[in-house]
């Protein structure tokens, strides 16, 4: 796949899964061997663990919106700089709702051989 096609897959993941909460897309996009390393998570997440984390965030921040700020791709890697905004309306890791607006920025490095099920054997 081309670097542009790889970027489209990652954009689809962020739009469909994170913004539209369509968890079924992960089964289509993620290889069965998919793993994700998230800060604060003691172990790597598989597809089901990834869905659980997303559900936890969406419960705490139901209006959460992820915006892609920048994306660079080379070879089988896509680096995405993003911003997430939402309102803290549900319990989050033991913290009761504050009703405050939250903004988080970050970067993700996606290795396409771990994401695209069509790219793995």
PDB file of N, CA and C in Angstrom:
ATOM      1  N   UNK A   1       0.837  -1.186   0.000  1.00  0.00           N
ATOM      2  CA  UNK A   1       0.000   0.000   0.000  1.00  0.00           C
ATOM      3  C   UNK A   1       0.879   1.245   0.000  1.00  0.00           C
ATOM      4  N   UNK A   2       0.369   2.298  -0.580  1.00  0.00           N
ATOM      5  CA  UNK A   2       1.126   3.546  -0.653  1.00  0.00           C
ATOM      6  C   UNK A   2       1.038   4.288   0.677  1.00  0.00           C
ATOM      7  N   UNK A   3       1.925   5.254   0.874  1.00  0.00           N
ATOM      8  CA  UNK A   3       1.892   6.046   2.103  1.00  0.00           C
ATOM      9  C   UNK A   3       0.579   6.807   2.202  1.00  0.00           C
ATOM     10  N   UNK A   4       0.034   7.252   1.075  1.00  0.00           N
ATOM     11  CA  UNK A   4      -1.251   7.970   1.107  1.00  0.00           C
ATOM     12  C   UNK A   4      -2.385   7.035   1.517  1.00  0.00           C
ATOM     13  N   UNK A   5      -2.368   5.799   1.019  1.00  0.00           N
ATOM     14  CA  UNK A   5      -3.393   4.821   1.411  1.00  0.00           C
ATOM     15  C   UNK A   5      -3.295   4.512   2.902  1.00  0.00           C
ATOM     16  N   UNK A   6      -2.079   4.426   3.429  1.00  0.00           N
ATOM     17  CA  UNK A   6      -1.881   4.192   4.855  1.00  0.00           C
ATOM     18  C   UNK A   6      -2.480   5.331   5.680  1.00  0.00           C
ATOM     19  N   UNK A   7      -2.273   6.569   5.243  1.00  0.00           N
ATOM     20  CA  UNK A   7      -2.831   7.725   5.945  1.00  0.00           C
ATOM     21  C   UNK A   7      -4.359   7.688   5.933  1.00  0.00           C
ATOM     22  N   UNK A   8      -4.935   7.267   4.827  1.00  0.00           N
ATOM     23  CA  UNK A   8      -6.400   7.170   4.730  1.00  0.00           C
ATOM     24  C   UNK A   8      -6.929   6.158   5.754  1.00  0.00           C
ATOM     25  N   UNK A   9      -6.237   5.043   5.924  1.00  0.00           N
ATOM     26  CA  UNK A   9      -6.666   4.029   6.896  1.00  0.00           C
ATOM     27  C   UNK A   9      -6.649   4.607   8.308  1.00  0.00           C
ATOM     28  N   UNK A  10      -5.580   5.320   8.652  1.00  0.00           N
ATOM     29  CA  UNK A  10      -5.480   5.902   9.993  1.00  0.00           C
ATOM     30  C   UNK A  10      -6.541   6.993  10.181  1.00  0.00           C
ATOM     31  N   UNK A  11      -6.762   7.808   9.161  1.00  0.00           N
ATOM     32  CA  UNK A  11      -7.824   8.827   9.256  1.00  0.00           C
ATOM     33  C   UNK A  11      -9.181   8.170   9.462  1.00  0.00           C
ATOM     34  N   UNK A  12      -9.420   7.082   8.758  1.00  0.00           N
ATOM     35  CA  UNK A  12     -10.693   6.361   8.915  1.00  0.00           C
ATOM     36  C   UNK A  12     -10.828   5.826  10.333  1.00  0.00           C
ATOM     37  N   UNK A  13      -9.759   5.277  10.867  1.00  0.00           N
ATOM     38  CA  UNK A  13      -9.772   4.796  12.253  1.00  0.00           C
ATOM     39  C   UNK A  13     -10.163   5.924  13.196  1.00  0.00           C
ATOM     40  N   UNK A  14      -9.524   7.063  13.063  1.00  0.00           N
ATOM     41  CA  UNK A  14      -9.781   8.168  13.990  1.00  0.00           C
ATOM     42  C   UNK A  14     -11.183   8.748  13.813  1.00  0.00           C
ATOM     43  N   UNK A  15     -11.645   8.850  12.588  1.00  0.00           N
ATOM     44  CA  UNK A  15     -12.970   9.418  12.348  1.00  0.00           C
ATOM     45  C   UNK A  15     -14.082   8.428  12.722  1.00  0.00           C
ATOM     46  N   UNK A  16     -13.993   7.219  12.194  1.00  0.00           N
ATOM     47  CA  UNK A  16     -15.064   6.241  12.414  1.00  0.00           C
ATOM     48  C   UNK A  16     -15.099   5.696  13.843  1.00  0.00           C
ATOM     49  N   UNK A  17     -13.932   5.364  14.375  1.00  0.00           N
ATOM     50  CA  UNK A  17     -13.890   4.728  15.693  1.00  0.00           C
ATOM     51  C   UNK A  17     -13.939   5.769  16.806  1.00  0.00           C
ATOM     52  N   UNK A  18     -13.045   6.746  16.781  1.00  0.00           N
ATOM     53  CA  UNK A  18     -12.985   7.710  17.870  1.00  0.00           C
ATOM     54  C   UNK A  18     -14.106   8.743  17.809  1.00  0.00           C
ATOM     55  N   UNK A  19     -14.385   9.290  16.635  1.00  0.00           N
ATOM     56  CA  UNK A  19     -15.382  10.357  16.562  1.00  0.00           C
ATOM     57  C   UNK A  19     -16.813   9.845  16.418  1.00  0.00           C
ATOM     58  N   UNK A  20     -17.009   8.748  15.699  1.00  0.00           N
ATOM     59  CA  UNK A  20     -18.364   8.234  15.489  1.00  0.00           C
ATOM     60  C   UNK A  20     -18.684   7.037  16.373  1.00  0.00           C
ATOM     61  N   UNK A  21     -17.690   6.581  17.120  1.00  0.00           N
ATOM     62  CA  UNK A  21     -17.846   5.480  18.073  1.00  0.00           C
ATOM     63  C   UNK A  21     -18.342   4.193  17.407  1.00  0.00           C
ATOM     64  N   UNK A  22     -17.856   3.948  16.203  1.00  0.00           N
ATOM     65  CA  UNK A  22     -18.206   2.736  15.476  1.00  0.00           C
ATOM     66  C   UNK A  22     -17.139   1.681  15.776  1.00  0.00           C
ATOM     67  N   UNK A  23     -17.322   0.971  16.877  1.00  0.00           N
ATOM     68  CA  UNK A  23     -16.316   0.012  17.331  1.00  0.00           C
ATOM     69  C   UNK A  23     -16.158  -1.174  16.388  1.00  0.00           C
ATOM     70  N   UNK A  24     -17.191  -1.488  15.621  1.00  0.00           N
ATOM     71  CA  UNK A  24     -17.114  -2.620  14.696  1.00  0.00           C
ATOM     72  C   UNK A  24     -16.033  -2.422  13.645  1.00  0.00           C
ATOM     73  N   UNK A  25     -15.710  -1.178  13.335  1.00  0.00           N
ATOM     74  CA  UNK A  25     -14.675  -0.892  12.335  1.00  0.00           C
ATOM     75  C   UNK A  25     -13.320  -1.449  12.773  1.00  0.00           C
ATOM     76  N   UNK A  26     -13.081  -1.531  14.086  1.00  0.00           N
ATOM     77  CA  UNK A  26     -11.787  -2.061  14.539  1.00  0.00           C
ATOM     78  C   UNK A  26     -11.589  -3.490  14.065  1.00  0.00           C
ATOM     79  N   UNK A  27     -12.666  -4.276  14.018  1.00  0.00           N
ATOM     80  CA  UNK A  27     -12.534  -5.664  13.557  1.00  0.00           C
ATOM     81  C   UNK A  27     -12.166  -5.718  12.077  1.00  0.00           C
ATOM     82  N   UNK A  28     -12.568  -4.701  11.335  1.00  0.00           N
ATOM     83  CA  UNK A  28     -12.228  -4.624   9.916  1.00  0.00           C
ATOM     84  C   UNK A  28     -10.816  -4.085   9.711  1.00  0.00           C
ATOM     85  N   UNK A  29     -10.443  -3.055  10.474  1.00  0.00           N
ATOM     86  CA  UNK A  29      -9.164  -2.382  10.262  1.00  0.00           C
ATOM     87  C   UNK A  29      -7.984  -3.052  10.950  1.00  0.00           C
ATOM     88  N   UNK A  30      -8.210  -3.649  12.123  1.00  0.00           N
ATOM     89  CA  UNK A  30      -7.102  -4.188  12.912  1.00  0.00           C
ATOM     90  C   UNK A  30      -6.849  -5.654  12.586  1.00  0.00           C
ATOM     91  N   UNK A  31      -5.595  -5.984  12.417  1.00  0.00           N
ATOM     92  CA  UNK A  31      -5.195  -7.377  12.260  1.00  0.00           C
ATOM     93  C   UNK A  31      -5.511  -8.137  13.544  1.00  0.00           C
ATOM     94  N   UNK A  32      -5.668  -9.454  13.446  1.00  0.00           N
ATOM     95  CA  UNK A  32      -5.928 -10.248  14.651  1.00  0.00           C
ATOM     96  C   UNK A  32      -4.752 -10.155  15.620  1.00  0.00           C
ATOM     97  N   UNK A  33      -3.565  -9.848  15.099  1.00  0.00           N
ATOM     98  CA  UNK A  33      -2.369  -9.715  15.944  1.00  0.00           C
ATOM     99  C   UNK A  33      -2.157  -8.279  16.427  1.00  0.00           C
ATOM    100  N   UNK A  34      -3.142  -7.388  16.213  1.00  0.00           N
ATOM    101  CA  UNK A  34      -3.043  -5.981  16.593  1.00  0.00           C
ATOM    102  C   UNK A  34      -2.678  -5.824  18.067  1.00  0.00           C
ATOM    103  N   UNK A  35      -1.762  -4.887  18.349  1.00  0.00           N
ATOM    104  CA  UNK A  35      -1.446  -4.489  19.718  1.00  0.00           C
ATOM    105  C   UNK A  35      -1.305  -2.970  19.757  1.00  0.00           C
ATOM    106  N   UNK A  36      -1.714  -2.395  20.888  1.00  0.00           N
ATOM    107  CA  UNK A  36      -1.598  -0.953  21.081  1.00  0.00           C
ATOM    108  C   UNK A  36      -0.975  -0.711  22.441  1.00  0.00           C
ATOM    109  N   UNK A  37      -0.023   0.202  22.483  1.00  0.00           N
ATOM    110  CA  UNK A  37       0.638   0.572  23.728  1.00  0.00           C
ATOM    111  C   UNK A  37       0.165   1.964  24.117  1.00  0.00           C
ATOM    112  N   UNK A  38      -0.588   2.058  25.206  1.00  0.00           N
ATOM    113  CA  UNK A  38      -1.114   3.333  25.663  1.00  0.00           C
ATOM    114  C   UNK A  38      -0.466   3.727  26.983  1.00  0.00           C
ATOM    115  N   UNK A  39      -0.110   4.995  27.138  1.00  0.00           N
ATOM    116  CA  UNK A  39       0.439   5.449  28.417  1.00  0.00           C
ATOM    117  C   UNK A  39      -0.541   5.149  29.548  1.00  0.00           C
ATOM    118  N   UNK A  40      -0.035   4.639  30.638  1.00  0.00           N
ATOM    119  CA  UNK A  40      -0.868   4.320  31.793  1.00  0.00           C
ATOM    120  C   UNK A  40      -1.455   2.929  31.753  1.00  0.00           C
ATOM    121  N   UNK A  41      -1.354   2.261  30.633  1.00  0.00           N
ATOM    122  CA  UNK A  41      -1.871   0.899  30.517  1.00  0.00           C
ATOM    123  C   UNK A  41      -0.724  -0.063  30.794  1.00  0.00           C
ATOM    124  N   UNK A  42      -0.887  -0.946  31.783  1.00  0.00           N
ATOM    125  CA  UNK A  42       0.239  -1.815  32.155  1.00  0.00           C
ATOM    126  C   UNK A  42       0.621  -2.831  31.081  1.00  0.00           C
ATOM    127  N   UNK A  43      -0.339  -3.217  30.265  1.00  0.00           N
ATOM    128  CA  UNK A  43      -0.081  -4.223  29.243  1.00  0.00           C
ATOM    129  C   UNK A  43      -0.531  -3.701  27.882  1.00  0.00           C
ATOM    130  N   UNK A  44       0.055  -4.245  26.821  1.00  0.00           N
ATOM    131  CA  UNK A  44      -0.435  -3.877  25.490  1.00  0.00           C
ATOM    132  C   UNK A  44      -1.900  -4.277  25.342  1.00  0.00           C
ATOM    133  N   UNK A  45      -2.630  -3.520  24.535  1.00  0.00           N
ATOM    134  CA  UNK A  45      -4.043  -3.802  24.312  1.00  0.00           C
ATOM    135  C   UNK A  45      -4.231  -4.546  22.992  1.00  0.00           C
ATOM    136  N   UNK A  46      -5.106  -5.549  23.014  1.00  0.00           N
ATOM    137  CA  UNK A  46      -5.522  -6.177  21.767  1.00  0.00           C
ATOM    138  C   UNK A  46      -6.768  -5.460  21.261  1.00  0.00           C
ATOM    139  N   UNK A  47      -7.422  -5.991  20.237  1.00  0.00           N
ATOM    140  CA  UNK A  47      -8.601  -5.311  19.682  1.00  0.00           C
ATOM    141  C   UNK A  47      -9.675  -5.076  20.742  1.00  0.00           C
ATOM    142  N   UNK A  48      -9.975  -6.084  21.544  1.00  0.00           N
ATOM    143  CA  UNK A  48     -11.033  -5.941  22.555  1.00  0.00           C
ATOM    144  C   UNK A  48     -10.635  -4.938  23.635  1.00  0.00           C
ATOM    145  N   UNK A  49      -9.379  -4.980  24.055  1.00  0.00           N
ATOM    146  CA  UNK A  49      -8.901  -4.017  25.042  1.00  0.00           C
ATOM    147  C   UNK A  49      -8.961  -2.594  24.527  1.00  0.00           C
ATOM    148  N   UNK A  50      -8.651  -2.418  23.250  1.00  0.00           N
ATOM    149  CA  UNK A  50      -8.721  -1.100  22.612  1.00  0.00           C
ATOM    150  C   UNK A  50     -10.155  -0.581  22.642  1.00  0.00           C
ATOM    151  N   UNK A  51     -11.108  -1.459  22.342  1.00  0.00           N
ATOM    152  CA  UNK A  51     -12.525  -1.081  22.372  1.00  0.00           C
ATOM    153  C   UNK A  51     -12.951  -0.683  23.787  1.00  0.00           C
ATOM    154  N   UNK A  52     -12.466  -1.404  24.778  1.00  0.00           N
ATOM    155  CA  UNK A  52     -12.806  -1.089  26.173  1.00  0.00           C
ATOM    156  C   UNK A  52     -12.270   0.282  26.577  1.00  0.00           C
ATOM    157  N   UNK A  53     -11.052   0.596  26.173  1.00  0.00           N
ATOM    158  CA  UNK A  53     -10.473   1.898  26.491  1.00  0.00           C
ATOM    159  C   UNK A  53     -11.280   3.008  25.809  1.00  0.00           C
ATOM    160  N   UNK A  54     -11.628   2.802  24.553  1.00  0.00           N
ATOM    161  CA  UNK A  54     -12.428   3.802  23.850  1.00  0.00           C
ATOM    162  C   UNK A  54     -13.770   4.012  24.559  1.00  0.00           C
ATOM    163  N   UNK A  55     -14.410   2.936  24.972  1.00  0.00           N
ATOM    164  CA  UNK A  55     -15.686   3.041  25.682  1.00  0.00           C
ATOM    165  C   UNK A  55     -15.519   3.796  26.995  1.00  0.00           C
ATOM    166  N   UNK A  56     -14.425   3.564  27.698  1.00  0.00           N
ATOM    167  CA  UNK A  56     -14.155   4.275  28.939  1.00  0.00           C
ATOM    168  C   UNK A  56     -14.046   5.791  28.674  1.00  0.00           C
ATOM    169  N   UNK A  57     -13.317   6.166  27.626  1.00  0.00           N
ATOM    170  CA  UNK A  57     -13.180   7.584  27.287  1.00  0.00           C
ATOM    171  C   UNK A  57     -14.525   8.183  26.874  1.00  0.00           C
ATOM    172  N   UNK A  58     -15.289   7.457  26.041  1.00  0.00           N
ATOM    173  CA  UNK A  58     -16.568   7.980  25.566  1.00  0.00           C
ATOM    174  C   UNK A  58     -17.592   8.103  26.690  1.00  0.00           C
ATOM    175  N   UNK A  59     -17.504   7.251  27.694  1.00  0.00           N
ATOM    176  CA  UNK A  59     -18.402   7.345  28.843  1.00  0.00           C
ATOM    177  C   UNK A  59     -18.078   8.589  29.663  1.00  0.00           C
ATOM    178  N   UNK A  60     -16.802   8.868  29.838  1.00  0.00           N
ATOM    179  CA  UNK A  60     -16.375  10.022  30.631  1.00  0.00           C
ATOM    180  C   UNK A  60     -16.504  11.328  29.855  1.00  0.00           C
ATOM    181  N   UNK A  61     -16.301  11.272  28.550  1.00  0.00           N
ATOM    182  CA  UNK A  61     -16.308  12.467  27.699  1.00  0.00           C
ATOM    183  C   UNK A  61     -17.211  12.203  26.489  1.00  0.00           C
ATOM    184  N   UNK A  62     -18.527  12.172  26.679  1.00  0.00           N
ATOM    185  CA  UNK A  62     -19.434  11.758  25.600  1.00  0.00           C
ATOM    186  C   UNK A  62     -19.421  12.671  24.370  1.00  0.00           C
ATOM    187  N   UNK A  63     -19.005  13.899  24.518  1.00  0.00           N
ATOM    188  CA  UNK A  63     -18.935  14.811  23.373  1.00  0.00           C
ATOM    189  C   UNK A  63     -17.518  14.891  22.793  1.00  0.00           C
ATOM    190  N   UNK A  64     -16.679  13.944  23.144  1.00  0.00           N
ATOM    191  CA  UNK A  64     -15.284  13.923  22.720  1.00  0.00           C
ATOM    192  C   UNK A  64     -15.168  13.997  21.198  1.00  0.00           C
ATOM    193  N   UNK A  65     -14.234  14.815  20.732  1.00  0.00           N
ATOM    194  CA  UNK A  65     -13.986  14.977  19.303  1.00  0.00           C
ATOM    195  C   UNK A  65     -12.481  15.008  19.062  1.00  0.00           C
ATOM    196  N   UNK A  66     -12.006  14.122  18.200  1.00  0.00           N
ATOM    197  CA  UNK A  66     -10.590  14.051  17.850  1.00  0.00           C
ATOM    198  C   UNK A  66     -10.381  14.779  16.528  1.00  0.00           C
ATOM    199  N   UNK A  67      -9.390  15.652  16.498  1.00  0.00           N
ATOM    200  CA  UNK A  67      -9.035  16.399  15.294  1.00  0.00           C
ATOM    201  C   UNK A  67      -7.610  16.050  14.897  1.00  0.00           C
ATOM    202  N   UNK A  68      -7.418  15.664  13.657  1.00  0.00           N
ATOM    203  CA  UNK A  68      -6.068  15.412  13.151  1.00  0.00           C
ATOM    204  C   UNK A  68      -5.455  16.759  12.795  1.00  0.00           C
ATOM    205  N   UNK A  69      -4.334  17.071  13.431  1.00  0.00           N
ATOM    206  CA  UNK A  69      -3.638  18.341  13.193  1.00  0.00           C
ATOM    207  C   UNK A  69      -2.596  18.209  12.086  1.00  0.00           C
ATOM    208  N   UNK A  70      -1.942  17.050  12.023  1.00  0.00           N
ATOM    209  CA  UNK A  70      -0.876  16.843  11.046  1.00  0.00           C
ATOM    210  C   UNK A  70      -0.649  15.348  10.911  1.00  0.00           C
ATOM    211  N   UNK A  71      -0.218  14.938   9.731  1.00  0.00           N
ATOM    212  CA  UNK A  71       0.036  13.519   9.504  1.00  0.00           C
ATOM    213  C   UNK A  71       1.205  13.369   8.543  1.00  0.00           C
ATOM    214  N   UNK A  72       2.121  12.464   8.885  1.00  0.00           N
ATOM    215  CA  UNK A  72       3.283  12.176   8.052  1.00  0.00           C
ATOM    216  C   UNK A  72       3.363  10.666   7.907  1.00  0.00           C
ATOM    217  N   UNK A  73       3.657  10.221   6.719  1.00  0.00           N
ATOM    218  CA  UNK A  73       3.749   8.781   6.483  1.00  0.00           C
ATOM    219  C   UNK A  73       4.998   8.473   5.671  1.00  0.00           C
ATOM    220  N   UNK A  74       5.652   7.390   6.066  1.00  0.00           N
ATOM    221  CA  UNK A  74       6.805   6.895   5.322  1.00  0.00           C
ATOM    222  C   UNK A  74       6.851   5.389   5.495  1.00  0.00           C
ATOM    223  N   UNK A  75       7.033   4.683   4.408  1.00  0.00           N
ATOM    224  CA  UNK A  75       7.060   3.226   4.482  1.00  0.00           C
ATOM    225  C   UNK A  75       5.752   2.708   5.043  1.00  0.00           C
ATOM    226  N   UNK A  76       5.851   1.874   6.092  1.00  0.00           N
ATOM    227  CA  UNK A  76       4.640   1.291   6.689  1.00  0.00           C
ATOM    228  C   UNK A  76       4.220   1.997   7.978  1.00  0.00           C
ATOM    229  N   UNK A  77       4.726   3.209   8.223  1.00  0.00           N
ATOM    230  CA  UNK A  77       4.395   3.943   9.442  1.00  0.00           C
ATOM    231  C   UNK A  77       3.662   5.240   9.112  1.00  0.00           C
ATOM    232  N   UNK A  78       2.694   5.571   9.984  1.00  0.00           N
ATOM    233  CA  UNK A  78       1.962   6.827   9.887  1.00  0.00           C
ATOM    234  C   UNK A  78       2.055   7.503  11.243  1.00  0.00           C
ATOM    235  N   UNK A  79       2.557   8.735  11.257  1.00  0.00           N
ATOM    236  CA  UNK A  79       2.641   9.524  12.486  1.00  0.00           C
ATOM    237  C   UNK A  79       1.551  10.585  12.408  1.00  0.00           C
ATOM    238  N   UNK A  80       0.710  10.636  13.438  1.00  0.00           N
ATOM    239  CA  UNK A  80      -0.402  11.576  13.467  1.00  0.00           C
ATOM    240  C   UNK A  80      -0.308  12.430  14.721  1.00  0.00           C
ATOM    241  N   UNK A  81      -0.354  13.744  14.533  1.00  0.00           N
ATOM    242  CA  UNK A  81      -0.444  14.684  15.658  1.00  0.00           C
ATOM    243  C   UNK A  81      -1.912  15.076  15.747  1.00  0.00           C
ATOM    244  N   UNK A  82      -2.479  14.923  16.947  1.00  0.00           N
ATOM    245  CA  UNK A  82      -3.913  15.118  17.109  1.00  0.00           C
ATOM    246  C   UNK A  82      -4.246  15.924  18.359  1.00  0.00           C
ATOM    247  N   UNK A  83      -5.490  16.417  18.383  1.00  0.00           N
ATOM    248  CA  UNK A  83      -6.046  17.099  19.545  1.00  0.00           C
ATOM    249  C   UNK A  83      -7.407  16.478  19.831  1.00  0.00           C
ATOM    250  N   UNK A  84      -7.658  16.198  21.099  1.00  0.00           N
ATOM    251  CA  UNK A  84      -8.967  15.699  21.530  1.00  0.00           C
ATOM    252  C   UNK A  84      -9.561  16.725  22.479  1.00  0.00           C
ATOM    253  N   UNK A  85     -10.833  17.054  22.244  1.00  0.00           N
ATOM    254  CA  UNK A  85     -11.564  17.971  23.126  1.00  0.00           C
ATOM    255  C   UNK A  85     -12.848  17.294  23.565  1.00  0.00           C
ATOM    256  N   UNK A  86     -13.224  17.527  24.807  1.00  0.00           N
ATOM    257  CA  UNK A  86     -14.466  16.976  25.315  1.00  0.00           C
ATOM    258  C   UNK A  86     -14.790  17.553  26.675  1.00  0.00           C
ATOM    259  N   UNK A  87     -15.987  17.266  27.142  1.00  0.00           N
ATOM    260  CA  UNK A  87     -16.445  17.739  28.439  1.00  0.00           C
ATOM    261  C   UNK A  87     -16.511  16.557  29.392  1.00  0.00           C
ATOM    262  N   UNK A  88     -15.924  16.728  30.577  1.00  0.00           N
ATOM    263  CA  UNK A  88     -15.857  15.658  31.573  1.00  0.00           C
ATOM    264  C   UNK A  88     -17.236  15.486  32.236  1.00  0.00           C
ATOM    265  N   UNK A  89     -18.046  14.566  31.679  1.00  0.00           N
ATOM    266  CA  UNK A  89     -19.426  14.381  32.137  1.00  0.00           C
ATOM    267  C   UNK A  89     -19.675  13.035  32.806  1.00  0.00           C
ATOM    268  N   UNK A  90     -18.679  12.171  32.827  1.00  0.00           N
ATOM    269  CA  UNK A  90     -18.828  10.860  33.446  1.00  0.00           C
ATOM    270  C   UNK A  90     -17.598  10.532  34.259  1.00  0.00           C
ATOM    271  N   UNK A  91     -17.700   9.516  35.103  1.00  0.00           N
ATOM    272  CA  UNK A  91     -16.573   9.083  35.928  1.00  0.00           C
ATOM    273  C   UNK A  91     -15.391   8.715  35.027  1.00  0.00           C
ATOM    274  N   UNK A  92     -14.200   9.173  35.396  1.00  0.00           N
ATOM    275  CA  UNK A  92     -13.005   8.851  34.626  1.00  0.00           C
ATOM    276  C   UNK A  92     -11.903   8.428  35.582  1.00  0.00           C
ATOM    277  N   UNK A  93     -11.601   7.148  35.576  1.00  0.00           N
ATOM    278  CA  UNK A  93     -10.559   6.571  36.418  1.00  0.00           C
ATOM    279  C   UNK A  93     -10.699   7.024  37.866  1.00  0.00           C
ATOM    280  N   UNK A  94     -11.932   6.963  38.370  1.00  0.00           N
ATOM    281  CA  UNK A  94     -12.200   7.310  39.762  1.00  0.00           C
ATOM    282  C   UNK A  94     -12.427   8.786  40.024  1.00  0.00           C
ATOM    283  N   UNK A  95     -12.317   9.615  39.001  1.00  0.00           N
ATOM    284  CA  UNK A  95     -12.542  11.055  39.163  1.00  0.00           C
ATOM    285  C   UNK A  95     -13.986  11.350  38.765  1.00  0.00           C
ATOM    286  N   UNK A  96     -14.783  11.885  39.699  1.00  0.00           N
ATOM    287  CA  UNK A  96     -16.175  12.191  39.357  1.00  0.00           C
ATOM    288  C   UNK A  96     -16.243  13.321  38.322  1.00  0.00           C
ATOM    289  N   UNK A  97     -17.354  13.399  37.588  1.00  0.00           N
ATOM    290  CA  UNK A  97     -17.491  14.424  36.550  1.00  0.00           C
ATOM    291  C   UNK A  97     -17.299  15.832  37.096  1.00  0.00           C
ATOM    292  N   UNK A  98     -16.570  16.643  36.337  1.00  0.00           N
ATOM    293  CA  UNK A  98     -16.328  18.036  36.731  1.00  0.00           C
ATOM    294  C   UNK A  98     -17.097  19.013  35.850  1.00  0.00           C
ATOM    295  N   UNK A  99     -17.647  18.524  34.742  1.00  0.00           N
ATOM    296  CA  UNK A  99     -18.340  19.350  33.745  1.00  0.00           C
ATOM    297  C   UNK A  99     -17.391  20.358  33.075  1.00  0.00           C
ATOM    298  N   UNK A 100     -16.091  20.163  33.228  1.00  0.00           N
ATOM    299  CA  UNK A 100     -15.109  21.068  32.623  1.00  0.00           C
ATOM    300  C   UNK A 100     -14.703  20.572  31.245  1.00  0.00           C
ATOM    301  N   UNK A 101     -14.400  21.538  30.383  1.00  0.00           N
ATOM    302  CA  UNK A 101     -13.890  21.239  29.053  1.00  0.00           C
ATOM    303  C   UNK A 101     -12.435  20.775  29.188  1.00  0.00           C
ATOM    304  N   UNK A 102     -12.094  19.714  28.480  1.00  0.00           N
ATOM    305  CA  UNK A 102     -10.752  19.138  28.534  1.00  0.00           C
ATOM    306  C   UNK A 102     -10.181  19.126  27.119  1.00  0.00           C
ATOM    307  N   UNK A 103      -8.904  19.490  27.008  1.00  0.00           N
ATOM    308  CA  UNK A 103      -8.189  19.415  25.732  1.00  0.00           C
ATOM    309  C   UNK A 103      -6.901  18.639  25.965  1.00  0.00           C
ATOM    310  N   UNK A 104      -6.675  17.637  25.135  1.00  0.00           N
ATOM    311  CA  UNK A 104      -5.477  16.820  25.219  1.00  0.00           C
ATOM    312  C   UNK A 104      -4.856  16.772  23.830  1.00  0.00           C
ATOM    313  N   UNK A 105      -3.546  16.964  23.760  1.00  0.00           N
ATOM    314  CA  UNK A 105      -2.839  16.825  22.495  1.00  0.00           C
ATOM    315  C   UNK A 105      -1.893  15.644  22.583  1.00  0.00           C
ATOM    316  N   UNK A 106      -1.598  15.050  21.453  1.00  0.00           N
ATOM    317  CA  UNK A 106      -0.694  13.913  21.460  1.00  0.00           C
ATOM    318  C   UNK A 106      -0.286  13.521  20.062  1.00  0.00           C
ATOM    319  N   UNK A 107       0.524  12.475  20.008  1.00  0.00           N
ATOM    320  CA  UNK A 107       0.984  11.918  18.740  1.00  0.00           C
ATOM    321  C   UNK A 107       0.848  10.413  18.811  1.00  0.00           C
ATOM    322  N   UNK A 108       0.531   9.838  17.676  1.00  0.00           N
ATOM    323  CA  UNK A 108       0.410   8.394  17.566  1.00  0.00           C
ATOM    324  C   UNK A 108       1.275   7.929  16.404  1.00  0.00           C
ATOM    325  N   UNK A 109       1.977   6.830  16.609  1.00  0.00           N
ATOM    326  CA  UNK A 109       2.719   6.195  15.522  1.00  0.00           C
ATOM    327  C   UNK A 109       2.034   4.861  15.242  1.00  0.00           C
ATOM    328  N   UNK A 110       1.478   4.744  14.053  1.00  0.00           N
ATOM    329  CA  UNK A 110       0.808   3.510  13.657  1.00  0.00           C
ATOM    330  C   UNK A 110       1.687   2.761  12.676  1.00  0.00           C
ATOM    331  N   UNK A 111       1.932   1.482  12.969  1.00  0.00           N
ATOM    332  CA  UNK A 111       2.656   0.596  12.062  1.00  0.00           C
ATOM    333  C   UNK A 111       1.599  -0.185  11.291  1.00  0.00           C
ATOM    334  N   UNK A 112       1.536   0.009  10.014  1.00  0.00           N
ATOM    335  CA  UNK A 112       0.447  -0.543   9.224  1.00  0.00           C
ATOM    336  C   UNK A 112       0.397  -2.059   9.241  1.00  0.00           C
ATOM    337  N   UNK A 113       1.504  -2.730   9.425  1.00  0.00           N
ATOM    338  CA  UNK A 113       1.454  -4.183   9.478  1.00  0.00           C
ATOM    339  C   UNK A 113       0.772  -4.665  10.748  1.00  0.00           C
ATOM    340  N   UNK A 114       0.602  -3.770  11.745  1.00  0.00           N
ATOM    341  CA  UNK A 114      -0.140  -4.122  12.954  1.00  0.00           C
ATOM    342  C   UNK A 114      -1.599  -3.722  12.850  1.00  0.00           C
ATOM    343  N   UNK A 115      -1.911  -2.824  11.938  1.00  0.00           N
ATOM    344  CA  UNK A 115      -3.286  -2.342  11.825  1.00  0.00           C
ATOM    345  C   UNK A 115      -4.034  -3.093  10.743  1.00  0.00           C
ATOM    346  N   UNK A 116      -3.682  -2.874   9.500  1.00  0.00           N
ATOM    347  CA  UNK A 116      -4.486  -3.376   8.394  1.00  0.00           C
ATOM    348  C   UNK A 116      -4.471  -4.890   8.297  1.00  0.00           C
ATOM    349  N   UNK A 117      -5.648  -5.495   8.492  1.00  0.00           N
ATOM    350  CA  UNK A 117      -5.736  -6.939   8.442  1.00  0.00           C
ATOM    351  C   UNK A 117      -5.365  -7.467   7.056  1.00  0.00           C
ATOM    352  N   UNK A 118      -5.579  -6.647   6.028  1.00  0.00           N
ATOM    353  CA  UNK A 118      -5.210  -7.077   4.682  1.00  0.00           C
ATOM    354  C   UNK A 118      -3.691  -7.026   4.477  1.00  0.00           C
ATOM    355  N   UNK A 119      -2.983  -6.430   5.426  1.00  0.00           N
ATOM    356  CA  UNK A 119      -1.533  -6.302   5.278  1.00  0.00           C
ATOM    357  C   UNK A 119      -0.765  -7.383   6.038  1.00  0.00           C
ATOM    358  N   UNK A 120      -1.482  -8.215   6.776  1.00  0.00           N
ATOM    359  CA  UNK A 120      -0.793  -9.239   7.555  1.00  0.00           C
ATOM    360  C   UNK A 120      -1.104 -10.606   7.000  1.00  0.00           C
ATOM    361  N   UNK A 121      -0.208 -11.527   7.273  1.00  0.00           N
ATOM    362  CA  UNK A 121      -0.444 -12.888   6.791  1.00  0.00           C
ATOM    363  C   UNK A 121      -0.856 -13.781   7.928  1.00  0.00           C
TER     364      UNK A 121
END
